[in-house]
Protein backbone atom coordinates (compact mmCIF):
# COMPACT_ATOMS: atom_id res chain seq x y z
CA MET A 1 32.92 -5.93 24.81
CA THR A 2 35.75 -5.50 26.47
CA TYR A 3 38.96 -8.40 26.51
CA ALA A 4 41.52 -8.60 29.56
CA VAL A 5 45.02 -10.12 29.85
CA ILE A 6 46.47 -11.11 33.51
CA ALA A 7 50.24 -12.30 32.35
CA HIS A 8 52.40 -13.80 35.39
CA TYR A 9 56.35 -13.53 34.66
CA ARG A 10 58.74 -14.78 36.13
CA CYS A 11 62.88 -14.13 35.46
CA ALA A 12 66.33 -14.81 36.49
CA PRO A 13 67.21 -12.53 39.37
CA GLU A 14 70.03 -11.61 36.60
CA ASP A 15 67.54 -10.22 33.86
CA THR A 16 65.54 -8.61 36.27
CA GLU A 17 66.00 -5.21 35.59
CA LEU A 18 66.43 -5.71 32.12
CA VAL A 19 62.60 -7.16 31.90
CA ARG A 20 61.03 -4.55 33.92
CA ALA A 21 62.73 -2.23 32.27
CA SER A 22 60.49 -3.54 28.82
CA LEU A 23 57.72 -4.31 30.62
CA LEU A 24 57.89 -0.29 31.65
CA ALA A 25 58.64 1.06 28.07
CA MET A 26 55.57 -1.56 26.63
CA ARG A 27 53.11 0.36 29.53
CA GLU A 28 54.08 3.27 26.98
CA HIS A 29 53.79 3.07 24.34
CA THR A 30 50.49 0.51 25.15
CA ARG A 31 48.79 3.56 26.73
CA THR A 32 48.98 4.83 22.85
CA GLU A 33 47.07 2.40 21.21
CA PRO A 34 43.61 2.93 20.87
CA ALA A 35 42.12 0.24 22.09
CA ASN A 36 43.62 -0.12 25.15
CA LEU A 37 42.04 0.72 28.38
CA ALA A 38 44.36 -0.07 31.16
CA TYR A 39 48.49 -1.78 31.28
CA VAL A 40 49.11 -2.25 34.61
CA VAL A 41 52.68 -3.79 35.03
CA HIS A 42 52.58 -5.54 38.73
CA ALA A 43 55.80 -5.92 41.10
CA ASP A 44 55.67 -9.23 42.81
CA THR A 45 55.09 -8.38 46.68
CA GLU A 46 56.85 -11.78 47.59
CA ASP A 47 59.02 -12.46 44.89
CA ALA A 48 61.50 -9.97 43.05
CA ASN A 49 62.14 -11.76 39.62
CA ALA A 50 58.26 -11.69 39.18
CA PHE A 51 56.07 -9.66 37.24
CA VAL A 52 52.00 -9.36 36.53
CA LEU A 53 50.72 -7.33 34.00
CA TYR A 54 47.11 -6.34 33.91
CA GLU A 55 46.16 -5.06 30.41
CA VAL A 56 42.66 -4.33 29.14
CA TYR A 57 41.48 -3.90 25.72
CA ALA A 58 38.50 -2.45 23.63
CA ASP A 59 38.25 -5.82 22.66
CA ARG A 60 40.07 -9.48 20.95
CA ALA A 61 41.00 -7.23 17.73
CA GLY A 62 42.40 -4.51 20.16
CA PHE A 63 44.92 -6.96 21.89
CA GLU A 64 45.84 -8.67 18.49
CA ALA A 65 46.54 -5.31 17.25
CA HIS A 66 48.54 -5.14 20.50
CA ALA A 67 50.52 -8.72 19.88
CA ALA A 68 51.32 -7.55 16.22
CA SER A 69 52.52 -3.99 17.20
CA ASP A 70 56.10 -3.36 16.86
CA HIS A 71 56.63 -1.94 20.03
CA PHE A 72 55.44 -5.88 20.93
CA ALA A 73 57.39 -7.19 18.47
CA GLU A 74 60.56 -5.23 19.98
CA HIS A 75 60.33 -5.26 24.02
CA ILE A 76 57.95 -8.99 24.97
CA VAL A 77 59.22 -11.15 21.64
CA GLY A 78 62.76 -9.46 21.16
CA VAL A 79 63.79 -9.03 25.39
CA VAL A 80 61.28 -9.84 27.55
CA ARG A 81 59.81 -13.70 26.15
CA PRO A 82 63.48 -15.13 26.05
CA ARG A 83 64.29 -14.02 29.40
CA LEU A 84 61.38 -15.93 31.55
CA ARG A 85 61.89 -18.99 33.17
CA GLU A 86 58.00 -19.01 33.52
CA ARG A 87 55.13 -17.60 31.84
CA ARG A 88 51.19 -18.30 32.49
CA VAL A 89 48.24 -16.09 30.04
CA THR A 90 45.00 -15.82 30.97
CA PHE A 91 42.86 -14.29 28.70
CA ALA A 92 39.28 -13.50 30.21
CA ALA A 93 35.69 -11.52 29.09
CA PRO A 94 33.76 -10.29 31.14
CA LEU A 95 30.32 -12.10 31.75
CA PRO A 96 27.09 -10.61 30.50
CA ALA A 97 25.04 -8.92 32.94
CA ASP A 98 21.80 -10.16 34.28
């Protein structure tokens, strides 16, 4: 069963370009992961300092492998998270078919 992650990030104006660059680098790394099915970085259309990530993995284990990766530690833990003013993450799985 697929596993989706929707992350809402908001940073300070002076950190926007660095956060954007790190998220785009993450996109390139993540798309090479075997369990990754989608990794889309969105810019908020009403807040220049906000981003929305939409990620889909083959399963929860695939996401956990992603979160344990060196590129996650470098870009998300090392660069993005320390610069966030707001962070909201939703984990989701599809409803079963009837």
